[in-house]
Amino acid sequence: MNPAISPPNSDEQDADDMARLASGYDPSLNDLMDRHAERLFQYLLRSLQNESDAADLAQETFVKVYLNRAKFDTRQKFSTWLYAIASNLVRTRYRWRARHPQVSLNAENLETGIELGAQLADASSTPGESLESSERSETVRNAIAALPDHFRLPLVLAEYEEKSHAEIARILNCSVKAVENRLSRARHQLRDALAPILRSACRN
């Protein structure tokens, strides 16, 4: 009896689709988008804290995937390459915002999946307690939004996308040590910003 053949994993499917895309089979891009578009959008939303910007850059990221399809090395992980493209676009948008400080951030649609935020989650059902939980979530969102741009990206990649330090270093084109330093400083700043509500949660 022949052993069962395991279905290809996502990385293998990505490599196959990129190979087909490079050979001229354009529908492969749709398969890549089906697997990655939603999570990529959430990454961009958490990084940029603006739904319109996130949607624009998600579309631009896949345009760049298509335009650079022949340059992709199928021996590398597609998602790492994808997030590197997206992160470069995010940093370009950060620089644009720095030159246009009147543009405000909108964090209304963000979810707080970060570990510190999860520690503040309130499972109670009374209206007063639910309002308090909502206010805490907004405080966490605002604290993340207030982080310097070069700290926010690695933090989102580590906490939301669960990327390893080595993969974050490849995505952001920096050393693992730089990633570790930025994450440490980001978490320290976040703890300082959230100290009042963390103390309140402990008292309750």
C-alpha atoms as a PDB file:
ATOM      1  CA  MET A   1       0.000   0.000   0.000  1.00  0.00           C
ATOM      2  CA  ASN A   2       1.450   3.335  -0.996  1.00  0.00           C
ATOM      3  CA  PRO A   3       1.908   5.826   1.831  1.00  0.00           C
ATOM      4  CA  ALA A   4      -0.445   8.785   1.780  1.00  0.00           C
ATOM      5  CA  ILE A   5       0.922  11.868   0.097  1.00  0.00           C
ATOM      6  CA  SER A   6       0.809  14.886   2.368  1.00  0.00           C
ATOM      7  CA  PRO A   7      -0.836  17.981   0.895  1.00  0.00           C
ATOM      8  CA  PRO A   8       1.578  20.823   0.157  1.00  0.00           C
ATOM      9  CA  ASN A   9       1.981  23.357   2.934  1.00  0.00           C
ATOM     10  CA  SER A  10       1.433  27.046   2.451  1.00  0.00           C
ATOM     11  CA  ASP A  11       5.120  27.769   1.786  1.00  0.00           C
ATOM     12  CA  GLU A  12       5.223  25.119  -0.945  1.00  0.00           C
ATOM     13  CA  GLN A  13       2.010  26.445  -2.486  1.00  0.00           C
ATOM     14  CA  ASP A  14       3.427  29.964  -2.408  1.00  0.00           C
ATOM     15  CA  ALA A  15       6.616  28.849  -4.154  1.00  0.00           C
ATOM     16  CA  ASP A  16       4.646  26.956  -6.796  1.00  0.00           C
ATOM     17  CA  ASP A  17       2.338  29.911  -7.404  1.00  0.00           C
ATOM     18  CA  MET A  18       5.258  32.322  -7.707  1.00  0.00           C
ATOM     19  CA  ALA A  19       6.947  29.997 -10.189  1.00  0.00           C
ATOM     20  CA  ARG A  20       3.763  29.853 -12.252  1.00  0.00           C
ATOM     21  CA  LEU A  21       3.323  33.616 -11.969  1.00  0.00           C
ATOM     22  CA  ALA A  22       6.876  34.177 -13.202  1.00  0.00           C
ATOM     23  CA  SER A  23       6.225  31.849 -16.146  1.00  0.00           C
ATOM     24  CA  GLY A  24       3.260  33.946 -17.249  1.00  0.00           C
ATOM     25  CA  TYR A  25       0.288  32.340 -15.491  1.00  0.00           C
ATOM     26  CA  ASP A  26      -1.256  35.500 -13.991  1.00  0.00           C
ATOM     27  CA  PRO A  27      -4.162  33.776 -12.142  1.00  0.00           C
ATOM     28  CA  SER A  28      -1.579  32.482  -9.637  1.00  0.00           C
ATOM     29  CA  LEU A  29      -1.565  35.959  -8.137  1.00  0.00           C
ATOM     30  CA  ASN A  30      -5.200  35.446  -7.114  1.00  0.00           C
ATOM     31  CA  ASP A  31      -4.247  32.296  -5.205  1.00  0.00           C
ATOM     32  CA  LEU A  32      -1.475  34.162  -3.389  1.00  0.00           C
ATOM     33  CA  MET A  33      -3.870  36.952  -2.512  1.00  0.00           C
ATOM     34  CA  ASP A  34      -6.467  34.470  -1.244  1.00  0.00           C
ATOM     35  CA  ARG A  35      -3.922  33.108   1.236  1.00  0.00           C
ATOM     36  CA  HIS A  36      -2.225  36.323   2.312  1.00  0.00           C
ATOM     37  CA  ALA A  37      -4.314  39.432   1.575  1.00  0.00           C
ATOM     38  CA  GLU A  38      -6.431  39.496   4.736  1.00  0.00           C
ATOM     39  CA  ARG A  39      -3.548  38.979   7.154  1.00  0.00           C
ATOM     40  CA  LEU A  40      -1.389  41.447   5.232  1.00  0.00           C
ATOM     41  CA  PHE A  41      -4.152  44.049   5.467  1.00  0.00           C
ATOM     42  CA  GLN A  42      -4.387  43.551   9.236  1.00  0.00           C
ATOM     43  CA  TYR A  43      -0.609  43.970   9.538  1.00  0.00           C
ATOM     44  CA  LEU A  44      -0.753  47.200   7.540  1.00  0.00           C
ATOM     45  CA  LEU A  45      -3.752  48.433   9.539  1.00  0.00           C
ATOM     46  CA  ARG A  46      -1.990  47.874  12.843  1.00  0.00           C
ATOM     47  CA  SER A  47       1.193  49.485  11.539  1.00  0.00           C
ATOM     48  CA  LEU A  48      -0.439  52.514   9.923  1.00  0.00           C
ATOM     49  CA  GLN A  49      -3.581  52.801  12.064  1.00  0.00           C
ATOM     50  CA  ASN A  50      -5.533  54.089   9.103  1.00  0.00           C
ATOM     51  CA  GLU A  51      -7.875  51.834   7.132  1.00  0.00           C
ATOM     52  CA  SER A  52      -7.616  53.747   3.862  1.00  0.00           C
ATOM     53  CA  ASP A  53      -3.806  53.775   3.949  1.00  0.00           C
ATOM     54  CA  ALA A  54      -3.744  50.079   4.808  1.00  0.00           C
ATOM     55  CA  ALA A  55      -6.026  49.203   1.879  1.00  0.00           C
ATOM     56  CA  ASP A  56      -3.942  51.308  -0.508  1.00  0.00           C
ATOM     57  CA  LEU A  57      -0.669  49.747   0.567  1.00  0.00           C
ATOM     58  CA  ALA A  58      -2.090  46.216   0.524  1.00  0.00           C
ATOM     59  CA  GLN A  59      -3.013  46.726  -3.117  1.00  0.00           C
ATOM     60  CA  GLU A  60       0.348  48.337  -3.879  1.00  0.00           C
ATOM     61  CA  THR A  61       2.174  45.452  -2.208  1.00  0.00           C
ATOM     62  CA  PHE A  62       0.587  42.888  -4.525  1.00  0.00           C
ATOM     63  CA  VAL A  63       1.208  45.133  -7.528  1.00  0.00           C
ATOM     64  CA  LYS A  64       4.892  45.062  -6.596  1.00  0.00           C
ATOM     65  CA  VAL A  65       4.730  41.290  -6.188  1.00  0.00           C
ATOM     66  CA  TYR A  66       3.453  41.051  -9.746  1.00  0.00           C
ATOM     67  CA  LEU A  67       5.950  43.534 -11.168  1.00  0.00           C
ATOM     68  CA  ASN A  68       8.860  41.779  -9.453  1.00  0.00           C
ATOM     69  CA  ARG A  69       7.615  38.227 -10.036  1.00  0.00           C
ATOM     70  CA  ALA A  70      10.673  37.270 -12.116  1.00  0.00           C
ATOM     71  CA  LYS A  71      13.033  38.373  -9.330  1.00  0.00           C
ATOM     72  CA  PHE A  72      11.558  36.144  -6.644  1.00  0.00           C
ATOM     73  CA  ASP A  73      13.816  33.320  -5.473  1.00  0.00           C
ATOM     74  CA  THR A  74      11.513  30.342  -4.878  1.00  0.00           C
ATOM     75  CA  ARG A  75      14.003  28.990  -2.345  1.00  0.00           C
ATOM     76  CA  GLN A  76      13.072  31.802   0.032  1.00  0.00           C
ATOM     77  CA  LYS A  77       9.872  32.126   2.034  1.00  0.00           C
ATOM     78  CA  PHE A  78       7.244  34.088   0.118  1.00  0.00           C
ATOM     79  CA  SER A  79       5.615  35.585   3.214  1.00  0.00           C
ATOM     80  CA  THR A  80       8.952  37.044   4.332  1.00  0.00           C
ATOM     81  CA  TRP A  81       9.420  38.637   0.915  1.00  0.00           C
ATOM     82  CA  LEU A  82       5.819  39.876   0.945  1.00  0.00           C
ATOM     83  CA  TYR A  83       6.156  41.491   4.362  1.00  0.00           C
ATOM     84  CA  ALA A  84       9.479  43.051   3.375  1.00  0.00           C
ATOM     85  CA  ILE A  85       7.772  44.735   0.409  1.00  0.00           C
ATOM     86  CA  ALA A  86       4.895  45.888   2.607  1.00  0.00           C
ATOM     87  CA  SER A  87       7.208  47.135   5.359  1.00  0.00           C
ATOM     88  CA  ASN A  88       9.209  49.214   2.891  1.00  0.00           C
ATOM     89  CA  LEU A  89       5.957  50.806   1.742  1.00  0.00           C
ATOM     90  CA  VAL A  90       4.963  51.454   5.361  1.00  0.00           C
ATOM     91  CA  ARG A  91       8.259  53.197   6.074  1.00  0.00           C
ATOM     92  CA  THR A  92       7.795  55.329   2.958  1.00  0.00           C
ATOM     93  CA  ARG A  93       4.326  56.271   4.230  1.00  0.00           C
ATOM     94  CA  TYR A  94       5.795  57.085   7.658  1.00  0.00           C
ATOM     95  CA  ARG A  95       8.255  59.472   5.991  1.00  0.00           C
ATOM     96  CA  TRP A  96       5.408  61.088   4.041  1.00  0.00           C
ATOM     97  CA  ARG A  97       3.425  61.567   7.243  1.00  0.00           C
ATOM     98  CA  ALA A  98       6.438  63.173   8.923  1.00  0.00           C
ATOM     99  CA  ARG A  99       6.414  65.799   6.151  1.00  0.00           C
ATOM    100  CA  HIS A 100       2.634  66.226   6.477  1.00  0.00           C
ATOM    101  CA  PRO A 101       2.021  66.270  10.249  1.00  0.00           C
ATOM    102  CA  GLN A 102      -1.520  67.595   9.851  1.00  0.00           C
ATOM    103  CA  VAL A 103      -2.617  64.118   8.713  1.00  0.00           C
ATOM    104  CA  SER A 104      -4.186  62.407  11.727  1.00  0.00           C
ATOM    105  CA  LEU A 105      -4.151  58.745  12.651  1.00  0.00           C
ATOM    106  CA  ASN A 106      -7.373  56.791  12.925  1.00  0.00           C
ATOM    107  CA  ALA A 107      -7.282  53.779  15.216  1.00  0.00           C
ATOM    108  CA  GLU A 108     -11.051  53.282  15.489  1.00  0.00           C
ATOM    109  CA  ASN A 109     -11.075  49.965  13.627  1.00  0.00           C
ATOM    110  CA  LEU A 110      -8.026  48.407  15.260  1.00  0.00           C
ATOM    111  CA  GLU A 111      -8.182  45.333  17.451  1.00  0.00           C
ATOM    112  CA  THR A 112      -5.802  44.991  20.373  1.00  0.00           C
ATOM    113  CA  GLY A 113      -4.342  41.528  19.972  1.00  0.00           C
ATOM    114  CA  ILE A 114      -1.029  42.410  21.605  1.00  0.00           C
ATOM    115  CA  GLU A 115      -0.137  40.489  24.732  1.00  0.00           C
ATOM    116  CA  LEU A 116      -0.201  43.515  27.019  1.00  0.00           C
ATOM    117  CA  GLY A 117      -3.618  44.395  25.683  1.00  0.00           C
ATOM    118  CA  ALA A 118      -4.846  40.850  26.186  1.00  0.00           C
ATOM    119  CA  GLN A 119      -3.786  41.060  29.842  1.00  0.00           C
ATOM    120  CA  LEU A 120      -6.269  43.903  30.271  1.00  0.00           C
ATOM    121  CA  ALA A 121      -9.221  42.107  28.661  1.00  0.00           C
ATOM    122  CA  ASP A 122     -12.338  42.107  30.820  1.00  0.00           C
ATOM    123  CA  ALA A 123     -14.715  39.169  30.475  1.00  0.00           C
ATOM    124  CA  SER A 124     -17.449  40.637  32.688  1.00  0.00           C
ATOM    125  CA  SER A 125     -20.818  41.424  31.157  1.00  0.00           C
ATOM    126  CA  THR A 126     -22.091  44.466  33.057  1.00  0.00           C
ATOM    127  CA  PRO A 127     -22.384  47.688  30.989  1.00  0.00           C
ATOM    128  CA  GLY A 128     -20.075  49.620  33.321  1.00  0.00           C
ATOM    129  CA  GLU A 129     -17.364  46.982  33.195  1.00  0.00           C
ATOM    130  CA  SER A 130     -17.709  46.623  29.418  1.00  0.00           C
ATOM    131  CA  LEU A 131     -17.232  50.376  29.026  1.00  0.00           C
ATOM    132  CA  GLU A 132     -14.150  50.235  31.233  1.00  0.00           C
ATOM    133  CA  SER A 133     -12.730  47.398  29.117  1.00  0.00           C
ATOM    134  CA  SER A 134     -13.402  49.405  25.935  1.00  0.00           C
ATOM    135  CA  GLU A 135     -11.635  52.422  27.412  1.00  0.00           C
ATOM    136  CA  ARG A 136      -8.637  50.261  28.316  1.00  0.00           C
ATOM    137  CA  SER A 137      -8.506  48.854  24.788  1.00  0.00           C
ATOM    138  CA  GLU A 138      -8.519  52.376  23.367  1.00  0.00           C
ATOM    139  CA  THR A 139      -5.675  53.317  25.720  1.00  0.00           C
ATOM    140  CA  VAL A 140      -3.638  50.365  24.453  1.00  0.00           C
ATOM    141  CA  ARG A 141      -4.314  51.339  20.825  1.00  0.00           C
ATOM    142  CA  ASN A 142      -3.271  54.901  21.516  1.00  0.00           C
ATOM    143  CA  ALA A 143      -0.114  53.744  23.283  1.00  0.00           C
ATOM    144  CA  ILE A 144       0.868  51.619  20.285  1.00  0.00           C
ATOM    145  CA  ALA A 145       0.077  54.493  17.922  1.00  0.00           C
ATOM    146  CA  ALA A 146       2.323  56.789  19.972  1.00  0.00           C
ATOM    147  CA  LEU A 147       5.354  54.525  19.624  1.00  0.00           C
ATOM    148  CA  PRO A 148       8.086  55.787  17.298  1.00  0.00           C
ATOM    149  CA  ASP A 149       7.677  54.285  13.838  1.00  0.00           C
ATOM    150  CA  HIS A 150      10.899  52.272  14.011  1.00  0.00           C
ATOM    151  CA  PHE A 151       9.648  50.609  17.201  1.00  0.00           C
ATOM    152  CA  ARG A 152       6.050  50.022  16.086  1.00  0.00           C
ATOM    153  CA  LEU A 153       6.861  47.876  13.034  1.00  0.00           C
ATOM    154  CA  PRO A 154       8.980  45.225  14.813  1.00  0.00           C
ATOM    155  CA  LEU A 155       6.508  45.166  17.709  1.00  0.00           C
ATOM    156  CA  VAL A 156       3.556  44.495  15.382  1.00  0.00           C
ATOM    157  CA  LEU A 157       5.540  41.831  13.523  1.00  0.00           C
ATOM    158  CA  ALA A 158       6.527  40.105  16.764  1.00  0.00           C
ATOM    159  CA  GLU A 159       3.289  40.362  18.744  1.00  0.00           C
ATOM    160  CA  TYR A 160       0.602  40.195  16.065  1.00  0.00           C
ATOM    161  CA  GLU A 161       2.290  38.318  13.228  1.00  0.00           C
ATOM    162  CA  GLU A 162       4.312  36.052  15.562  1.00  0.00           C
ATOM    163  CA  LYS A 163       7.437  36.418  13.451  1.00  0.00           C
ATOM    164  CA  SER A 164      10.768  35.268  14.856  1.00  0.00           C
ATOM    165  CA  HIS A 165      13.523  37.790  15.481  1.00  0.00           C
ATOM    166  CA  ALA A 166      15.465  36.337  12.552  1.00  0.00           C
ATOM    167  CA  GLU A 167      12.518  36.717  10.176  1.00  0.00           C
ATOM    168  CA  ILE A 168      11.813  40.257  11.381  1.00  0.00           C
ATOM    169  CA  ALA A 169      15.446  41.083  10.687  1.00  0.00           C
ATOM    170  CA  ARG A 170      15.053  39.798   7.119  1.00  0.00           C
ATOM    171  CA  ILE A 171      11.797  41.697   6.644  1.00  0.00           C
ATOM    172  CA  LEU A 172      13.206  44.984   7.955  1.00  0.00           C
ATOM    173  CA  ASN A 173      16.677  44.447   6.488  1.00  0.00           C
ATOM    174  CA  CYS A 174      18.509  44.874   9.767  1.00  0.00           C
ATOM    175  CA  SER A 175      20.420  42.721  12.238  1.00  0.00           C
ATOM    176  CA  VAL A 176      18.797  40.396  14.772  1.00  0.00           C
ATOM    177  CA  LYS A 177      20.465  42.449  17.509  1.00  0.00           C
ATOM    178  CA  ALA A 178      18.791  45.597  16.175  1.00  0.00           C
ATOM    179  CA  VAL A 179      15.424  43.815  16.243  1.00  0.00           C
ATOM    180  CA  GLU A 180      15.983  42.709  19.833  1.00  0.00           C
ATOM    181  CA  ASN A 181      16.967  46.221  20.908  1.00  0.00           C
ATOM    182  CA  ARG A 182      13.959  47.835  19.185  1.00  0.00           C
ATOM    183  CA  LEU A 183      11.546  45.307  20.662  1.00  0.00           C
ATOM    184  CA  SER A 184      12.970  45.780  24.137  1.00  0.00           C
ATOM    185  CA  ARG A 185      12.660  49.559  23.921  1.00  0.00           C
ATOM    186  CA  ALA A 186       9.190  49.358  22.360  1.00  0.00           C
ATOM    187  CA  ARG A 187       7.907  47.107  25.128  1.00  0.00           C
ATOM    188  CA  HIS A 188       9.512  49.304  27.777  1.00  0.00           C
ATOM    189  CA  GLN A 189       7.825  52.411  26.365  1.00  0.00           C
ATOM    190  CA  LEU A 190       4.531  50.563  26.094  1.00  0.00           C
ATOM    191  CA  ARG A 191       4.711  49.400  29.719  1.00  0.00           C
ATOM    192  CA  ASP A 192       5.443  52.954  30.862  1.00  0.00           C
ATOM    193  CA  ALA A 193       2.500  54.302  28.866  1.00  0.00           C
ATOM    194  CA  LEU A 194       0.157  51.635  30.225  1.00  0.00           C
ATOM    195  CA  ALA A 195       1.429  51.701  33.820  1.00  0.00           C
ATOM    196  CA  PRO A 196      -1.602  53.586  35.210  1.00  0.00           C
ATOM    197  CA  ILE A 197      -4.194  51.164  33.845  1.00  0.00           C
ATOM    198  CA  LEU A 198      -2.025  48.157  34.669  1.00  0.00           C
ATOM    199  CA  ARG A 199      -1.945  49.320  38.281  1.00  0.00           C
ATOM    200  CA  SER A 200      -5.711  49.867  38.168  1.00  0.00           C
ATOM    201  CA  ALA A 201      -6.245  46.346  36.796  1.00  0.00           C
ATOM    202  CA  CYS A 202      -4.112  44.877  39.564  1.00  0.00           C
ATOM    203  CA  ARG A 203      -6.098  46.736  42.235  1.00  0.00           C
ATOM    204  CA  ASN A 204      -9.355  45.420  40.806  1.00  0.00           C
END
